[in-house]
Amino acid sequence: MTGAGLGPSFDPDRIAALRARLGKPVGAPGPSTPPAAGGFAAIKQLWLRAGVLIVGFVGVLYGVEGVDHAVGGQLDHAGIEPRRADGLTGILFAPLLHGGWGHLIGNTLPVLVLGFLVLLAGIGRGLAATAIIWLGAGLGVWLTGATGSTHIGASSLVFGWLTFLISRGWFARNPGQIVLGLVVLALYGSLLWGVLPGQPGISWQGHLFGALSGLLASWVLSGDARRNRRGNRAGIGASPR
C-alpha cells in the first residue's frame, strides 16, 4: 500500500534499496553547490556570454567592412532605400554596413559598451531588445527617409540600446537599473542630439527611430515587472473577508 497522496509510483523500500546499492544512506543529501558560489558562477557565465556575443558581432561588422572595401563599396547599396519595395531588404542589412573604416571605427566603442550592457539584462532579453530596435529603426527609416537616399550603419542600434538602458529601470521600477540608466545617460546622453536633423549625410532618421524603438523595447520587455507591480498593488488594496 502506498502513502496517501504520493501516488502508486512512490515506494520507500525501492528507494532505500537503490540508495544502499549506490552506497548512500537513506536521507543523505546529495552534493550541492553553495548558493553564493552558484550565483557568482551564473553571473560570471552571463558576463562571459555577453562579452563573446558583442565582440563576435563587432568582428562581423569588421569582416563585412573588409569585404565591402575589397569590392569597392558595392555592399553599401544593400542599405535601406526609403519607400522602394526592393529597399525593404535593407532593413535586415543596414546595421551591418558602414560608409568606410572611419564610420565603423566611430561606432565601435559605443557598440561594444552599450551592446554589452544590454546583453547583461539577460541574453534572451538583450537579443529581443536588439531585434525590436533593428526592425523598428529600419522600418522608420524606410518610411521617412529622403527619397533617393541609402541608409547604413549600426548607429541606429547604438541609439536604441542607449534609450533602452536609460528607460528600462523606470518602466520596471528597478533601482539598480535606474542607477545604471543614469550612469549611461551621463556618459552617452549627449549622443541623443543626433536625433535632430543636422549634418548632411548623417541619417538622423536612423538615430531617431532607433531611439524610439529602444523606448518601445524597454516598455515591452518590462511587461512582467509592470504586471507584478499591479498585482502587488491589487493584493495590498484588497480588503480581507
Protein backbone atom coordinates (compact mmCIF):
# COMPACT_ATOMS: atom_id res chain seq x y z
CA MET A 1 0.00 0.00 0.00
CA THR A 2 1.34 3.47 -0.91
CA GLY A 3 1.45 6.62 1.19
CA ALA A 4 -1.58 8.85 0.89
CA GLY A 5 -1.24 11.49 -1.80
CA LEU A 6 2.16 10.22 -3.05
CA GLY A 7 0.82 8.12 -5.92
CA PRO A 8 1.47 4.47 -6.82
CA SER A 9 5.00 5.17 -8.15
CA PHE A 10 6.37 6.10 -4.70
CA ASP A 11 7.93 3.05 -2.98
CA PRO A 12 10.09 3.77 0.08
CA ASP A 13 11.54 0.24 0.08
CA ARG A 14 12.71 0.54 -3.53
CA ILE A 15 14.31 3.93 -2.85
CA ALA A 16 16.09 2.56 0.26
CA ALA A 17 17.38 -0.42 -1.74
CA LEU A 18 18.58 1.84 -4.55
CA ARG A 19 20.44 4.13 -2.12
CA ALA A 20 22.02 1.13 -0.42
CA ARG A 21 23.19 -0.18 -3.80
CA LEU A 22 24.73 3.21 -4.57
CA GLY A 23 26.45 3.30 -1.19
CA LYS A 24 24.42 6.23 0.18
CA PRO A 25 22.45 6.14 3.42
CA VAL A 26 18.73 6.82 3.20
CA GLY A 27 18.01 10.51 3.56
CA ALA A 28 21.61 11.59 2.91
CA PRO A 29 21.66 14.83 0.90
CA GLY A 30 23.37 14.77 -2.47
CA PRO A 31 26.22 17.09 -3.41
CA SER A 32 25.15 20.68 -3.74
CA THR A 33 26.69 23.99 -4.72
CA PRO A 34 26.61 26.75 -2.09
CA PRO A 35 24.04 29.39 -3.12
CA ALA A 36 26.60 32.22 -3.17
CA ALA A 37 29.02 30.23 -5.33
CA GLY A 38 26.22 29.23 -7.70
CA GLY A 39 25.06 32.83 -8.06
CA PHE A 40 28.60 34.05 -8.75
CA ALA A 41 29.08 31.34 -11.36
CA ALA A 42 25.84 32.32 -13.10
CA ILE A 43 26.85 35.99 -13.17
CA LYS A 44 30.31 35.10 -14.48
CA GLN A 45 28.77 32.96 -17.22
CA LEU A 46 26.40 35.78 -18.20
CA TRP A 47 29.26 38.27 -18.44
CA LEU A 48 31.30 35.84 -20.49
CA ARG A 49 28.47 35.05 -22.90
CA ALA A 50 27.57 38.73 -23.28
CA GLY A 51 31.20 39.62 -23.95
CA VAL A 52 31.65 36.86 -26.51
CA LEU A 53 28.44 37.80 -28.32
CA ILE A 54 29.15 41.53 -28.59
CA VAL A 55 32.81 41.05 -29.55
CA GLY A 56 31.68 38.49 -32.13
CA PHE A 57 29.14 40.98 -33.51
CA VAL A 58 31.80 43.67 -33.83
CA GLY A 59 34.01 41.09 -35.53
CA VAL A 60 31.23 40.52 -38.07
CA LEU A 61 30.99 44.28 -38.67
CA TYR A 62 34.72 44.47 -39.40
CA GLY A 63 34.55 41.39 -41.61
CA VAL A 64 31.69 42.87 -43.64
CA GLU A 65 33.51 46.18 -43.99
CA GLY A 66 36.62 44.34 -45.13
CA VAL A 67 34.66 42.59 -47.87
CA ASP A 68 32.96 45.88 -48.80
CA HIS A 69 36.35 47.58 -49.07
CA ALA A 70 37.61 44.76 -51.28
CA VAL A 71 34.69 45.12 -53.71
CA GLY A 72 34.86 48.90 -53.90
CA GLY A 73 31.95 49.72 -51.59
CA GLN A 74 29.38 47.75 -53.56
CA LEU A 75 27.81 46.25 -50.43
CA ASP A 76 26.68 49.69 -49.30
CA HIS A 77 23.98 49.59 -51.99
CA ALA A 78 22.25 46.93 -49.89
CA GLY A 79 21.22 49.55 -47.32
CA ILE A 80 17.73 50.94 -46.74
CA GLU A 81 16.26 52.79 -49.71
CA PRO A 82 13.19 54.66 -48.45
CA ARG A 83 9.81 53.75 -49.92
CA ARG A 84 11.27 51.44 -52.55
CA ALA A 85 9.96 47.88 -52.44
CA ASP A 86 13.41 46.45 -53.12
CA GLY A 87 14.81 48.76 -50.43
CA LEU A 88 12.90 46.91 -47.70
CA THR A 89 15.55 44.18 -47.61
CA GLY A 90 17.98 46.87 -46.49
CA ILE A 91 16.28 46.81 -43.08
CA LEU A 92 17.99 43.47 -42.49
CA PHE A 93 21.44 44.53 -43.70
CA ALA A 94 21.81 48.26 -42.96
CA PRO A 95 23.20 47.95 -39.39
CA LEU A 96 25.94 45.66 -40.69
CA LEU A 97 27.16 48.13 -43.31
CA HIS A 98 29.27 51.27 -42.91
CA GLY A 99 30.47 54.03 -45.18
CA GLY A 100 34.16 53.32 -44.71
CA TRP A 101 36.52 52.44 -41.88
CA GLY A 102 36.14 55.82 -40.18
CA HIS A 103 32.38 55.34 -39.90
CA LEU A 104 32.81 51.87 -38.43
CA ILE A 105 35.58 52.86 -36.02
CA GLY A 106 33.41 55.72 -34.73
CA ASN A 107 30.63 53.24 -33.92
CA THR A 108 32.85 50.53 -32.44
CA LEU A 109 33.22 51.69 -28.83
CA PRO A 110 29.52 52.58 -28.32
CA VAL A 111 28.53 49.24 -29.87
CA LEU A 112 30.85 47.34 -27.55
CA VAL A 113 29.87 49.18 -24.37
CA LEU A 114 26.12 49.63 -24.88
CA GLY A 115 25.61 46.27 -26.57
CA PHE A 116 27.40 44.51 -23.71
CA LEU A 117 25.28 46.30 -21.09
CA VAL A 118 22.06 45.41 -22.93
CA LEU A 119 23.05 41.73 -23.03
CA LEU A 120 23.71 41.83 -19.28
CA ALA A 121 19.95 42.32 -18.90
CA GLY A 122 19.83 38.63 -19.91
CA ILE A 123 20.94 37.17 -23.22
CA GLY A 124 17.42 36.42 -24.42
CA ARG A 125 16.10 39.79 -23.27
CA GLY A 126 19.05 41.62 -24.83
CA LEU A 127 18.62 39.85 -28.16
CA ALA A 128 14.88 40.55 -28.12
CA ALA A 129 15.56 44.25 -27.45
CA THR A 130 18.08 44.31 -30.30
CA ALA A 131 15.59 42.70 -32.69
CA ILE A 132 12.90 45.27 -31.83
CA ILE A 133 15.37 48.13 -32.32
CA TRP A 134 16.82 46.67 -35.52
CA LEU A 135 13.44 46.22 -37.20
CA GLY A 136 11.73 49.29 -35.72
CA ALA A 137 14.53 51.66 -36.69
CA GLY A 138 14.79 50.18 -40.16
CA LEU A 139 11.06 50.46 -40.82
CA GLY A 140 11.02 54.06 -39.56
CA VAL A 141 13.88 54.98 -41.87
CA TRP A 142 12.21 53.26 -44.82
CA LEU A 143 9.01 55.23 -44.22
CA THR A 144 10.54 58.67 -43.59
CA GLY A 145 13.99 58.80 -45.18
CA ALA A 146 14.74 61.13 -48.07
CA THR A 147 13.79 59.81 -51.50
CA GLY A 148 16.83 58.51 -53.38
CA SER A 149 18.95 58.15 -50.25
CA THR A 150 20.55 54.97 -48.87
CA HIS A 151 20.88 54.47 -45.11
CA ILE A 152 23.52 52.27 -43.48
CA GLY A 153 25.31 51.94 -40.14
CA ALA A 154 24.99 50.44 -36.67
CA SER A 155 24.26 53.83 -35.09
CA SER A 156 20.54 53.01 -35.12
CA LEU A 157 21.36 50.15 -32.73
CA VAL A 158 23.55 52.44 -30.62
CA PHE A 159 20.72 54.94 -30.15
CA GLY A 160 18.22 52.17 -29.45
CA TRP A 161 20.45 50.46 -26.90
CA LEU A 162 21.07 53.85 -25.28
CA THR A 163 17.40 54.67 -24.71
CA PHE A 164 16.68 51.07 -23.70
CA LEU A 165 19.28 51.23 -20.94
CA ILE A 166 18.15 54.68 -19.80
CA SER A 167 14.44 53.88 -19.65
CA ARG A 168 14.06 50.22 -18.69
CA GLY A 169 14.66 50.84 -14.99
CA TRP A 170 11.92 53.46 -14.89
CA PHE A 171 9.42 51.16 -16.57
CA ALA A 172 10.35 48.24 -14.31
CA ARG A 173 10.80 50.42 -11.18
CA ASN A 174 14.11 48.66 -10.59
CA PRO A 175 16.51 50.81 -8.53
CA GLY A 176 19.67 49.11 -9.82
CA GLN A 177 18.61 49.55 -13.44
CA ILE A 178 17.65 53.17 -12.78
CA VAL A 179 21.15 53.87 -11.42
CA LEU A 180 22.73 52.17 -14.44
CA GLY A 181 20.48 54.20 -16.73
CA LEU A 182 21.60 57.44 -15.08
CA VAL A 183 25.26 56.45 -15.48
CA VAL A 184 24.71 55.63 -19.15
CA LEU A 185 22.84 58.92 -19.61
CA ALA A 186 25.75 60.83 -18.07
CA LEU A 187 28.30 59.08 -20.30
CA TYR A 188 26.43 58.91 -23.62
CA GLY A 189 23.41 61.20 -23.25
CA SER A 190 24.95 63.86 -25.49
CA LEU A 191 24.55 61.45 -28.39
CA LEU A 192 20.79 61.99 -28.24
CA TRP A 193 21.23 65.34 -30.00
CA GLY A 194 21.83 63.19 -33.07
CA VAL A 195 18.08 62.51 -33.38
CA LEU A 196 17.67 66.04 -34.76
CA PRO A 197 18.24 66.95 -38.41
CA GLY A 198 21.71 68.33 -38.76
CA GLN A 199 24.84 67.38 -40.64
CA PRO A 200 24.26 66.36 -44.26
CA GLY A 201 24.97 62.71 -44.92
CA ILE A 202 24.03 61.64 -41.37
CA SER A 203 20.90 59.51 -41.04
CA TRP A 204 19.13 61.38 -38.26
CA GLN A 205 16.08 59.27 -39.10
CA GLY A 206 18.02 56.15 -38.15
CA HIS A 207 19.05 57.81 -34.89
CA LEU A 208 15.51 58.99 -34.12
CA PHE A 209 13.73 55.74 -34.86
CA GLY A 210 16.48 53.74 -33.19
CA ALA A 211 15.93 55.78 -30.02
CA LEU A 212 12.14 55.41 -30.23
CA SER A 213 12.48 51.67 -30.81
CA GLY A 214 14.71 51.41 -27.75
CA LEU A 215 11.95 53.01 -25.67
CA LEU A 216 9.45 50.58 -27.18
CA ALA A 217 11.71 47.62 -26.40
CA SER A 218 12.16 48.69 -22.78
CA TRP A 219 8.39 49.08 -22.35
CA VAL A 220 7.58 45.74 -23.98
CA LEU A 221 10.27 43.79 -22.13
CA SER A 222 9.37 45.27 -18.74
CA GLY A 223 5.83 43.95 -19.06
CA ASP A 224 6.29 41.21 -16.45
CA ALA A 225 7.60 43.69 -13.88
CA ARG A 226 4.70 46.06 -14.53
CA ARG A 227 2.14 43.27 -14.22
CA ASN A 228 3.72 42.06 -10.99
CA ARG A 229 3.65 45.59 -9.61
CA ARG A 230 -0.04 45.98 -10.47
CA GLY A 231 -0.76 42.58 -8.92
CA ASN A 232 1.02 43.56 -5.71
CA ARG A 233 -0.93 46.80 -5.53
CA ALA A 234 -4.20 44.94 -6.06
CA GLY A 235 -3.25 42.48 -3.31
CA ILE A 236 -2.38 45.25 -0.88
CA GLY A 237 -5.56 47.16 -1.67
CA ALA A 238 -7.86 44.14 -1.36
CA SER A 239 -9.84 44.09 1.89
CA PRO A 240 -9.89 40.80 3.83
CA ARG A 241 -13.18 38.98 4.04
